[in-house]
All heavy atoms as atom14 arrays in JSON, in Angstrom:
{
  "sequence": "DVTAALDEMKDKEVLMIYAVEKVTDAKKRNRLIDAKLILTPHPRFVS",
  "atom14_mask": [
    [1, 1, 1, 1, 1, 1, 1, 1, 0, 0, 0, 0, 0, 0],
    [1, 1, 1, 1, 1, 1, 1, 0, 0, 0, 0, 0, 0, 0],
    [1, 1, 1, 1, 1, 1, 1, 0, 0, 0, 0, 0, 0, 0],
    [1, 1, 1, 1, 1, 0, 0, 0, 0, 0, 0, 0, 0, 0],
    [1, 1, 1, 1, 1, 0, 0, 0, 0, 0, 0, 0, 0, 0],
    [1, 1, 1, 1, 1, 1, 1, 1, 0, 0, 0, 0, 0, 0],
    [1, 1, 1, 1, 1, 1, 1, 1, 0, 0, 0, 0, 0, 0],
    [1, 1, 1, 1, 1, 1, 1, 1, 1, 0, 0, 0, 0, 0],
    [1, 1, 1, 1, 1, 1, 1, 1, 0, 0, 0, 0, 0, 0],
    [1, 1, 1, 1, 1, 1, 1, 1, 1, 0, 0, 0, 0, 0],
    [1, 1, 1, 1, 1, 1, 1, 1, 0, 0, 0, 0, 0, 0],
    [1, 1, 1, 1, 1, 1, 1, 1, 1, 0, 0, 0, 0, 0],
    [1, 1, 1, 1, 1, 1, 1, 1, 1, 0, 0, 0, 0, 0],
    [1, 1, 1, 1, 1, 1, 1, 0, 0, 0, 0, 0, 0, 0],
    [1, 1, 1, 1, 1, 1, 1, 1, 0, 0, 0, 0, 0, 0],
    [1, 1, 1, 1, 1, 1, 1, 1, 0, 0, 0, 0, 0, 0],
    [1, 1, 1, 1, 1, 1, 1, 1, 0, 0, 0, 0, 0, 0],
    [1, 1, 1, 1, 1, 1, 1, 1, 1, 1, 1, 1, 0, 0],
    [1, 1, 1, 1, 1, 0, 0, 0, 0, 0, 0, 0, 0, 0],
    [1, 1, 1, 1, 1, 1, 1, 0, 0, 0, 0, 0, 0, 0],
    [1, 1, 1, 1, 1, 1, 1, 1, 1, 0, 0, 0, 0, 0],
    [1, 1, 1, 1, 1, 1, 1, 1, 1, 0, 0, 0, 0, 0],
    [1, 1, 1, 1, 1, 1, 1, 0, 0, 0, 0, 0, 0, 0],
    [1, 1, 1, 1, 1, 1, 1, 0, 0, 0, 0, 0, 0, 0],
    [1, 1, 1, 1, 1, 1, 1, 1, 0, 0, 0, 0, 0, 0],
    [1, 1, 1, 1, 1, 0, 0, 0, 0, 0, 0, 0, 0, 0],
    [1, 1, 1, 1, 1, 1, 1, 1, 1, 0, 0, 0, 0, 0],
    [1, 1, 1, 1, 1, 1, 1, 1, 1, 0, 0, 0, 0, 0],
    [1, 1, 1, 1, 1, 1, 1, 1, 1, 1, 1, 0, 0, 0],
    [1, 1, 1, 1, 1, 1, 1, 1, 0, 0, 0, 0, 0, 0],
    [1, 1, 1, 1, 1, 1, 1, 1, 1, 1, 1, 0, 0, 0],
    [1, 1, 1, 1, 1, 1, 1, 1, 0, 0, 0, 0, 0, 0],
    [1, 1, 1, 1, 1, 1, 1, 1, 0, 0, 0, 0, 0, 0],
    [1, 1, 1, 1, 1, 1, 1, 1, 0, 0, 0, 0, 0, 0],
    [1, 1, 1, 1, 1, 0, 0, 0, 0, 0, 0, 0, 0, 0],
    [1, 1, 1, 1, 1, 1, 1, 1, 1, 0, 0, 0, 0, 0],
    [1, 1, 1, 1, 1, 1, 1, 1, 0, 0, 0, 0, 0, 0],
    [1, 1, 1, 1, 1, 1, 1, 1, 0, 0, 0, 0, 0, 0],
    [1, 1, 1, 1, 1, 1, 1, 1, 0, 0, 0, 0, 0, 0],
    [1, 1, 1, 1, 1, 1, 1, 0, 0, 0, 0, 0, 0, 0],
    [1, 1, 1, 1, 1, 1, 1, 0, 0, 0, 0, 0, 0, 0],
    [1, 1, 1, 1, 1, 1, 1, 1, 1, 1, 0, 0, 0, 0],
    [1, 1, 1, 1, 1, 1, 1, 0, 0, 0, 0, 0, 0, 0],
    [1, 1, 1, 1, 1, 1, 1, 1, 1, 1, 1, 0, 0, 0],
    [1, 1, 1, 1, 1, 1, 1, 1, 1, 1, 1, 0, 0, 0],
    [1, 1, 1, 1, 1, 1, 1, 0, 0, 0, 0, 0, 0, 0],
    [1, 1, 1, 1, 1, 1, 0, 0, 0, 0, 0, 0, 0, 0]
  ],
  "atom14_positions": [
    [[-41.14, 82.78, -26.66], [-40.21, 83.59, -25.88], [-40.84, 84.04, -24.56], [-40.18, 84.02, -23.52], [-39.76, 84.82, -26.67], [-38.91, 84.46, -27.87], [-38.42, 83.31, -27.94], [-38.73, 85.34, -28.74], [0.0, 0.0, 0.0], [0.0, 0.0, 0.0], [0.0, 0.0, 0.0], [0.0, 0.0, 0.0], [0.0, 0.0, 0.0], [0.0, 0.0, 0.0]],
    [[-42.1, 84.44, -24.61], [-42.78, 84.9, -23.41], [-43.0, 83.75, -22.42], [-42.78, 83.92, -21.21], [-44.12, 85.6, -23.77], [-44.96, 85.85, -22.55], [-43.84, 86.9, -24.51], [0.0, 0.0, 0.0], [0.0, 0.0, 0.0], [0.0, 0.0, 0.0], [0.0, 0.0, 0.0], [0.0, 0.0, 0.0], [0.0, 0.0, 0.0], [0.0, 0.0, 0.0]],
    [[-43.37, 82.58, -22.9], [-43.57, 81.45, -21.99], [-42.24, 81.0, -21.38], [-42.21, 80.57, -20.22], [-44.26, 80.26, -22.67], [-43.55, 79.89, -23.85], [-45.7, 80.59, -23.02], [0.0, 0.0, 0.0], [0.0, 0.0, 0.0], [0.0, 0.0, 0.0], [0.0, 0.0, 0.0], [0.0, 0.0, 0.0], [0.0, 0.0, 0.0], [0.0, 0.0, 0.0]],
    [[-41.15, 81.14, -22.11], [-39.84, 80.83, -21.53], [-39.52, 81.8, -20.39], [-38.99, 81.39, -19.34], [-38.76, 80.89, -22.61], [0.0, 0.0, 0.0], [0.0, 0.0, 0.0], [0.0, 0.0, 0.0], [0.0, 0.0, 0.0], [0.0, 0.0, 0.0], [0.0, 0.0, 0.0], [0.0, 0.0, 0.0], [0.0, 0.0, 0.0], [0.0, 0.0, 0.0]],
    [[-39.86, 83.06, -20.56], [-39.64, 84.05, -19.5], [-40.54, 83.76, -18.3], [-40.11, 83.88, -17.14], [-39.91, 85.46, -20.02], [0.0, 0.0, 0.0], [0.0, 0.0, 0.0], [0.0, 0.0, 0.0], [0.0, 0.0, 0.0], [0.0, 0.0, 0.0], [0.0, 0.0, 0.0], [0.0, 0.0, 0.0], [0.0, 0.0, 0.0], [0.0, 0.0, 0.0]],
    [[-41.77, 83.35, -18.55], [-42.69, 83.02, -17.45], [-42.22, 81.77, -16.7], [-42.37, 81.69, -15.47], [-44.11, 82.84, -17.98], [-44.77, 84.1, -18.55], [-46.13, 83.76, -19.15], [-44.89, 85.18, -17.5], [0.0, 0.0, 0.0], [0.0, 0.0, 0.0], [0.0, 0.0, 0.0], [0.0, 0.0, 0.0], [0.0, 0.0, 0.0], [0.0, 0.0, 0.0]],
    [[-41.65, 80.81, -17.42], [-41.08, 79.64, -16.75], [-39.92, 80.04, -15.84], [-39.76, 79.5, -14.74], [-40.6, 78.61, -17.78], [-41.73, 77.87, -18.44], [-42.81, 77.73, -17.81], [-41.56, 77.42, -19.6], [0.0, 0.0, 0.0], [0.0, 0.0, 0.0], [0.0, 0.0, 0.0], [0.0, 0.0, 0.0], [0.0, 0.0, 0.0], [0.0, 0.0, 0.0]],
    [[-39.12, 80.98, -16.29], [-38.01, 81.48, -15.47], [-38.55, 82.16, -14.21], [-37.99, 82.01, -13.13], [-37.17, 82.45, -16.29], [-35.94, 82.92, -15.58], [-35.07, 83.84, -16.42], [-35.39, 84.06, -17.61], [-34.08, 84.35, -15.88], [0.0, 0.0, 0.0], [0.0, 0.0, 0.0], [0.0, 0.0, 0.0], [0.0, 0.0, 0.0], [0.0, 0.0, 0.0]],
    [[-39.66, 82.88, -14.35], [-40.26, 83.54, -13.19], [-40.84, 82.51, -12.21], [-40.83, 82.74, -11.0], [-41.34, 84.53, -13.64], [-40.77, 85.72, -14.37], [-42.03, 86.84, -14.99], [-42.53, 87.63, -13.46], [0.0, 0.0, 0.0], [0.0, 0.0, 0.0], [0.0, 0.0, 0.0], [0.0, 0.0, 0.0], [0.0, 0.0, 0.0], [0.0, 0.0, 0.0]],
    [[-41.33, 81.4, -12.73], [-41.8, 80.33, -11.84], [-40.63, 79.74, -11.06], [-40.75, 79.44, -9.87], [-42.47, 79.22, -12.65], [-43.92, 79.49, -12.97], [-44.53, 78.38, -13.79], [-44.55, 77.08, -13.02], [-45.25, 76.02, -13.74], [0.0, 0.0, 0.0], [0.0, 0.0, 0.0], [0.0, 0.0, 0.0], [0.0, 0.0, 0.0], [0.0, 0.0, 0.0]],
    [[-39.5, 79.59, -11.71], [-38.32, 79.05, -11.03], [-37.83, 79.98, -9.93], [-37.3, 79.53, -8.91], [-37.18, 78.82, -12.03], [-37.5, 77.71, -13.03], [-38.4, 76.89, -12.75], [-36.86, 77.68, -14.09], [0.0, 0.0, 0.0], [0.0, 0.0, 0.0], [0.0, 0.0, 0.0], [0.0, 0.0, 0.0], [0.0, 0.0, 0.0], [0.0, 0.0, 0.0]],
    [[-38.02, 81.29, -10.11], [-37.59, 82.28, -9.11], [-38.65, 82.55, -8.05], [-38.5, 83.45, -7.23], [-37.24, 83.61, -9.81], [-36.16, 83.51, -10.84], [-34.82, 83.41, -10.23], [-33.77, 83.42, -11.34], [-32.43, 83.33, -10.85], [0.0, 0.0, 0.0], [0.0, 0.0, 0.0], [0.0, 0.0, 0.0], [0.0, 0.0, 0.0], [0.0, 0.0, 0.0]],
    [[-39.75, 81.8, -8.09], [-40.87, 81.91, -7.14], [-41.52, 83.29, -7.15], [-41.87, 83.84, -6.12], [-40.43, 81.53, -5.73], [-40.05, 80.09, -5.58], [-39.72, 79.7, -4.16], [-39.47, 80.58, -3.32], [-39.73, 78.49, -3.88], [0.0, 0.0, 0.0], [0.0, 0.0, 0.0], [0.0, 0.0, 0.0], [0.0, 0.0, 0.0], [0.0, 0.0, 0.0]],
    [[-41.67, 83.85, -8.33], [-42.45, 85.07, -8.5], [-43.86, 84.68, -8.94], [-44.84, 85.25, -8.48], [-41.8, 86.01, -9.53], [-42.69, 87.19, -9.83], [-40.45, 86.48, -9.01], [0.0, 0.0, 0.0], [0.0, 0.0, 0.0], [0.0, 0.0, 0.0], [0.0, 0.0, 0.0], [0.0, 0.0, 0.0], [0.0, 0.0, 0.0], [0.0, 0.0, 0.0]],
    [[-43.94, 83.68, -9.8], [-45.24, 83.16, -10.24], [-45.43, 81.75, -9.7], [-44.48, 80.96, -9.67], [-45.32, 83.11, -11.76], [-45.28, 84.42, -12.52], [-45.33, 84.16, -14.01], [-46.42, 85.32, -12.09], [0.0, 0.0, 0.0], [0.0, 0.0, 0.0], [0.0, 0.0, 0.0], [0.0, 0.0, 0.0], [0.0, 0.0, 0.0], [0.0, 0.0, 0.0]],
    [[-46.65, 81.47, -9.27], [-46.98, 80.11, -8.85], [-47.36, 79.29, -10.08], [-46.81, 78.22, -10.3], [-48.11, 80.13, -7.83], [-48.28, 78.83, -7.1], [-49.25, 78.96, -5.6], [-50.68, 79.86, -6.1], [0.0, 0.0, 0.0], [0.0, 0.0, 0.0], [0.0, 0.0, 0.0], [0.0, 0.0, 0.0], [0.0, 0.0, 0.0], [0.0, 0.0, 0.0]],
    [[-48.3, 79.82, -10.87], [-48.7, 79.19, -12.12], [-49.06, 80.27, -13.12], [-49.29, 81.42, -12.77], [-49.91, 78.23, -11.94], [-51.1, 78.96, -11.34], [-49.54, 77.02, -11.13], [-52.37, 78.15, -11.32], [0.0, 0.0, 0.0], [0.0, 0.0, 0.0], [0.0, 0.0, 0.0], [0.0, 0.0, 0.0], [0.0, 0.0, 0.0], [0.0, 0.0, 0.0]],
    [[-49.11, 79.87, -14.37], [-49.62, 80.75, -15.41], [-50.38, 79.9, -16.42], [-50.13, 78.7, -16.55], [-48.52, 81.56, -16.08], [-47.57, 80.76, -16.94], [-47.83, 80.56, -18.29], [-46.41, 80.23, -16.42], [-46.98, 79.84, -19.08], [-45.54, 79.5, -17.19], [-45.83, 79.31, -18.52], [-44.97, 78.59, -19.31], [0.0, 0.0, 0.0], [0.0, 0.0, 0.0]],
    [[-51.31, 80.54, -17.1], [-52.09, 79.86, -18.13], [-52.09, 80.73, -19.38], [-52.0, 81.96, -19.3], [-53.51, 79.62, -17.65], [0.0, 0.0, 0.0], [0.0, 0.0, 0.0], [0.0, 0.0, 0.0], [0.0, 0.0, 0.0], [0.0, 0.0, 0.0], [0.0, 0.0, 0.0], [0.0, 0.0, 0.0], [0.0, 0.0, 0.0], [0.0, 0.0, 0.0]],
    [[-52.18, 80.07, -20.52], [-52.22, 80.77, -21.79], [-53.52, 80.37, -22.5], [-53.74, 79.2, -22.77], [-51.01, 80.4, -22.68], [-51.1, 81.09, -24.03], [-49.72, 80.74, -21.98], [0.0, 0.0, 0.0], [0.0, 0.0, 0.0], [0.0, 0.0, 0.0], [0.0, 0.0, 0.0], [0.0, 0.0, 0.0], [0.0, 0.0, 0.0], [0.0, 0.0, 0.0]],
    [[-54.36, 81.36, -22.76], [-55.59, 81.13, -23.54], [-55.35, 81.69, -24.93], [-55.26, 82.9, -25.12], [-56.78, 81.83, -22.89], [-57.2, 81.25, -21.57], [-58.38, 81.97, -20.96], [-58.92, 82.92, -21.58], [-58.76, 81.6, -19.84], [0.0, 0.0, 0.0], [0.0, 0.0, 0.0], [0.0, 0.0, 0.0], [0.0, 0.0, 0.0], [0.0, 0.0, 0.0]],
    [[-55.26, 80.8, -25.9], [-54.98, 81.23, -27.27], [-56.25, 81.72, -27.95], [-57.31, 81.14, -27.82], [-54.38, 80.07, -28.07], [-53.03, 79.64, -27.53], [-52.48, 78.51, -28.32], [-51.13, 78.1, -27.76], [-50.54, 76.98, -28.5], [0.0, 0.0, 0.0], [0.0, 0.0, 0.0], [0.0, 0.0, 0.0], [0.0, 0.0, 0.0], [0.0, 0.0, 0.0]],
    [[-56.09, 82.82, -28.69], [-57.18, 83.37, -29.5], [-56.82, 83.06, -30.95], [-55.8, 83.52, -31.45], [-57.31, 84.9, -29.29], [-58.42, 85.46, -30.15], [-57.53, 85.21, -27.83], [0.0, 0.0, 0.0], [0.0, 0.0, 0.0], [0.0, 0.0, 0.0], [0.0, 0.0, 0.0], [0.0, 0.0, 0.0], [0.0, 0.0, 0.0], [0.0, 0.0, 0.0]],
    [[-57.66, 82.25, -31.59], [-57.37, 81.81, -32.95], [-58.42, 82.31, -33.93], [-59.52, 82.68, -33.55], [-57.3, 80.27, -33.03], [-58.54, 79.73, -32.57], [-56.16, 79.72, -32.19], [0.0, 0.0, 0.0], [0.0, 0.0, 0.0], [0.0, 0.0, 0.0], [0.0, 0.0, 0.0], [0.0, 0.0, 0.0], [0.0, 0.0, 0.0], [0.0, 0.0, 0.0]],
    [[-58.05, 82.29, -35.2], [-58.95, 82.68, -36.27], [-59.45, 81.4, -36.95], [-58.68, 80.7, -37.6], [-58.21, 83.57, -37.27], [-59.11, 84.11, -38.37], [-60.34, 83.92, -38.29], [-58.58, 84.73, -39.3], [0.0, 0.0, 0.0], [0.0, 0.0, 0.0], [0.0, 0.0, 0.0], [0.0, 0.0, 0.0], [0.0, 0.0, 0.0], [0.0, 0.0, 0.0]],
    [[-60.73, 81.11, -36.8], [-61.29, 79.88, -37.35], [-61.31, 79.89, -38.87], [-61.27, 78.82, -39.5], [-62.7, 79.67, -36.81], [0.0, 0.0, 0.0], [0.0, 0.0, 0.0], [0.0, 0.0, 0.0], [0.0, 0.0, 0.0], [0.0, 0.0, 0.0], [0.0, 0.0, 0.0], [0.0, 0.0, 0.0], [0.0, 0.0, 0.0], [0.0, 0.0, 0.0]],
    [[-61.35, 81.05, -39.48], [-61.4, 81.15, -40.94], [-60.07, 80.84, -41.59], [-60.01, 80.48, -42.76], [-61.88, 82.53, -41.35], [-63.3, 82.82, -40.94], [-63.71, 84.21, -41.36], [-65.12, 84.5, -40.87], [-65.52, 85.88, -41.2], [0.0, 0.0, 0.0], [0.0, 0.0, 0.0], [0.0, 0.0, 0.0], [0.0, 0.0, 0.0], [0.0, 0.0, 0.0]],
    [[-58.99, 81.03, -40.84], [-57.65, 80.82, -41.41], [-56.97, 79.63, -40.75], [-55.85, 79.74, -40.24], [-56.81, 82.08, -41.25], [-57.3, 83.23, -42.08], [-56.33, 84.37, -42.03], [-56.83, 85.51, -42.89], [-55.91, 86.63, -42.88], [0.0, 0.0, 0.0], [0.0, 0.0, 0.0], [0.0, 0.0, 0.0], [0.0, 0.0, 0.0], [0.0, 0.0, 0.0]],
    [[-57.64, 78.51, -40.72], [-57.09, 77.25, -40.22], [-56.54, 77.38, -38.8], [-55.44, 76.94, -38.49], [-56.0, 76.74, -41.16], [-56.54, 76.42, -42.53], [-55.49, 75.95, -43.46], [-54.68, 74.9, -42.86], [-53.54, 74.49, -43.35], [-53.06, 75.05, -44.44], [-52.87, 73.55, -42.77], [0.0, 0.0, 0.0], [0.0, 0.0, 0.0], [0.0, 0.0, 0.0]],
    [[-57.31, 78.05, -37.93], [-56.96, 78.22, -36.52], [-55.61, 78.92, -36.33], [-54.84, 78.58, -35.45], [-56.98, 76.88, -35.8], [-58.37, 76.33, -35.7], [-59.33, 77.08, -35.65], [-58.49, 75.02, -35.69], [0.0, 0.0, 0.0], [0.0, 0.0, 0.0], [0.0, 0.0, 0.0], [0.0, 0.0, 0.0], [0.0, 0.0, 0.0], [0.0, 0.0, 0.0]],
    [[-55.36, 79.92, -37.12], [-54.13, 80.7, -36.99], [-54.17, 81.52, -35.7], [-55.19, 82.11, -35.35], [-53.99, 81.63, -38.18], [-52.71, 82.41, -38.15], [-52.5, 83.16, -39.44], [-51.2, 83.8, -39.39], [-50.99, 85.04, -39.76], [-51.97, 85.77, -40.24], [-49.78, 85.55, -39.68], [0.0, 0.0, 0.0], [0.0, 0.0, 0.0], [0.0, 0.0, 0.0]],
    [[-53.07, 81.56, -34.99], [-52.98, 82.29, -33.73], [-53.05, 83.8, -33.99], [-52.24, 84.35, -34.73], [-51.68, 81.93, -33.01], [-51.47, 82.52, -31.62], [-52.52, 81.96, -30.66], [-50.08, 82.2, -31.12], [0.0, 0.0, 0.0], [0.0, 0.0, 0.0], [0.0, 0.0, 0.0], [0.0, 0.0, 0.0], [0.0, 0.0, 0.0], [0.0, 0.0, 0.0]],
    [[-54.04, 84.45, -33.38], [-54.21, 85.89, -33.52], [-53.6, 86.61, -32.33], [-52.93, 87.62, -32.47], [-55.7, 86.26, -33.64], [-56.3, 85.64, -34.87], [-55.89, 87.76, -33.66], [-57.79, 85.81, -34.97], [0.0, 0.0, 0.0], [0.0, 0.0, 0.0], [0.0, 0.0, 0.0], [0.0, 0.0, 0.0], [0.0, 0.0, 0.0], [0.0, 0.0, 0.0]],
    [[-53.88, 86.1, -31.13], [-53.4, 86.7, -29.9], [-53.47, 85.63, -28.82], [-53.96, 84.52, -29.05], [-54.25, 87.9, -29.51], [-53.5, 88.92, -28.67], [-52.38, 88.62, -28.22], [-54.03, 90.03, -28.45], [0.0, 0.0, 0.0], [0.0, 0.0, 0.0], [0.0, 0.0, 0.0], [0.0, 0.0, 0.0], [0.0, 0.0, 0.0], [0.0, 0.0, 0.0]],
    [[-52.98, 85.96, -27.63], [-53.05, 85.03, -26.51], [-53.23, 85.84, -25.23], [-52.65, 86.91, -25.08], [-51.79, 84.18, -26.42], [0.0, 0.0, 0.0], [0.0, 0.0, 0.0], [0.0, 0.0, 0.0], [0.0, 0.0, 0.0], [0.0, 0.0, 0.0], [0.0, 0.0, 0.0], [0.0, 0.0, 0.0], [0.0, 0.0, 0.0], [0.0, 0.0, 0.0]],
    [[-54.05, 85.31, -24.35], [-54.28, 85.94, -23.06], [-53.45, 85.2, -22.02], [-53.55, 83.99, -21.88], [-55.76, 85.86, -22.7], [-56.12, 86.54, -21.41], [-57.62, 86.35, -21.18], [-58.17, 87.32, -20.22], [-59.62, 87.11, -20.02], [0.0, 0.0, 0.0], [0.0, 0.0, 0.0], [0.0, 0.0, 0.0], [0.0, 0.0, 0.0], [0.0, 0.0, 0.0]],
    [[-52.59, 85.93, -21.32], [-51.73, 85.36, -20.29], [-52.36, 85.62, -18.93], [-52.62, 86.77, -18.58], [-50.34, 85.98, -20.36], [-49.65, 85.91, -21.73], [-48.43, 86.8, -21.74], [-49.28, 84.49, -22.06], [0.0, 0.0, 0.0], [0.0, 0.0, 0.0], [0.0, 0.0, 0.0], [0.0, 0.0, 0.0], [0.0, 0.0, 0.0], [0.0, 0.0, 0.0]],
    [[-52.62, 84.56, -18.19], [-53.22, 84.67, -16.87], [-52.17, 84.23, -15.86], [-51.79, 83.06, -15.82], [-54.49, 83.8, -16.77], [-55.47, 84.2, -17.87], [-55.12, 83.94, -15.4], [-56.59, 83.22, -18.07], [0.0, 0.0, 0.0], [0.0, 0.0, 0.0], [0.0, 0.0, 0.0], [0.0, 0.0, 0.0], [0.0, 0.0, 0.0], [0.0, 0.0, 0.0]],
    [[-51.7, 85.17, -15.05], [-50.6, 84.93, -14.13], [-51.11, 84.89, -12.69], [-51.84, 85.77, -12.27], [-49.55, 86.03, -14.26], [-49.12, 86.41, -15.68], [-48.17, 87.58, -15.65], [-48.51, 85.23, -16.39], [0.0, 0.0, 0.0], [0.0, 0.0, 0.0], [0.0, 0.0, 0.0], [0.0, 0.0, 0.0], [0.0, 0.0, 0.0], [0.0, 0.0, 0.0]],
    [[-50.71, 83.86, -11.96], [-51.04, 83.75, -10.54], [-49.74, 83.9, -9.76], [-48.81, 83.1, -9.94], [-51.69, 82.39, -10.23], [-52.83, 82.22, -11.08], [-52.11, 82.3, -8.79], [0.0, 0.0, 0.0], [0.0, 0.0, 0.0], [0.0, 0.0, 0.0], [0.0, 0.0, 0.0], [0.0, 0.0, 0.0], [0.0, 0.0, 0.0], [0.0, 0.0, 0.0]],
    [[-49.65, 84.9, -8.9], [-48.39, 85.16, -8.2], [-48.11, 84.14, -7.11], [-49.02, 83.51, -6.57], [-48.62, 86.55, -7.59], [-50.08, 86.61, -7.37], [-50.69, 85.86, -8.52], [0.0, 0.0, 0.0], [0.0, 0.0, 0.0], [0.0, 0.0, 0.0], [0.0, 0.0, 0.0], [0.0, 0.0, 0.0], [0.0, 0.0, 0.0], [0.0, 0.0, 0.0]],
    [[-46.86, 84.0, -6.78], [-46.42, 83.14, -5.69], [-46.7, 83.85, -4.36], [-46.61, 85.08, -4.29], [-44.93, 82.85, -5.84], [-44.44, 81.72, -5.02], [-44.11, 81.88, -3.7], [-44.26, 80.41, -5.32], [-43.71, 80.71, -3.22], [-43.81, 79.8, -4.18], [0.0, 0.0, 0.0], [0.0, 0.0, 0.0], [0.0, 0.0, 0.0], [0.0, 0.0, 0.0]],
    [[-47.06, 83.13, -3.3], [-47.34, 83.79, -2.01], [-46.18, 84.65, -1.5], [-46.4, 85.68, -0.87], [-47.6, 82.61, -1.07], [-48.04, 81.51, -1.94], [-47.32, 81.7, -3.25], [0.0, 0.0, 0.0], [0.0, 0.0, 0.0], [0.0, 0.0, 0.0], [0.0, 0.0, 0.0], [0.0, 0.0, 0.0], [0.0, 0.0, 0.0], [0.0, 0.0, 0.0]],
    [[-44.97, 84.23, -1.78], [-43.81, 85.03, -1.35], [-43.77, 86.38, -2.07], [-43.51, 87.42, -1.46], [-42.52, 84.26, -1.62], [-41.28, 84.87, -0.97], [-40.09, 83.98, -1.19], [-39.75, 83.96, -2.6], [-38.59, 84.38, -3.1], [-37.66, 84.8, -2.29], [-38.35, 84.34, -4.38], [0.0, 0.0, 0.0], [0.0, 0.0, 0.0], [0.0, 0.0, 0.0]],
    [[-44.07, 86.37, -3.35], [-44.12, 87.61, -4.11], [-45.26, 88.5, -3.63], [-45.11, 89.72, -3.54], [-44.27, 87.33, -5.61], [-44.41, 88.57, -6.44], [-43.32, 89.36, -6.73], [-45.65, 88.96, -6.93], [-43.45, 90.51, -7.48], [-45.79, 90.11, -7.69], [-44.69, 90.88, -7.97], [0.0, 0.0, 0.0], [0.0, 0.0, 0.0], [0.0, 0.0, 0.0]],
    [[-46.4, 87.9, -3.31], [-47.55, 88.66, -2.82], [-47.19, 89.38, -1.52], [-47.5, 90.57, -1.34], [-48.77, 87.75, -2.62], [-49.89, 88.47, -1.88], [-49.28, 87.23, -3.96], [0.0, 0.0, 0.0], [0.0, 0.0, 0.0], [0.0, 0.0, 0.0], [0.0, 0.0, 0.0], [0.0, 0.0, 0.0], [0.0, 0.0, 0.0], [0.0, 0.0, 0.0]],
    [[-46.52, 88.66, -0.6], [-46.15, 89.3, 0.67], [-45.17, 90.44, 0.45], [-45.25, 91.47, 1.11], [-45.58, 88.26, 1.64], [-44.38, 87.73, 1.14], [0.0, 0.0, 0.0], [0.0, 0.0, 0.0], [0.0, 0.0, 0.0], [0.0, 0.0, 0.0], [0.0, 0.0, 0.0], [0.0, 0.0, 0.0], [0.0, 0.0, 0.0], [0.0, 0.0, 0.0]]
  ]
}
């Protein structure tokens, strides 16, 4: 759901790119624990 919202923000030229760094639990078959969202703004939004 969050990545769908970030894609929408890219379409509106608020974000230039975004990256998702997944934090997984190695003991539980790489189960997703959390994720770090790294957002780079679009130059138009910055101005």
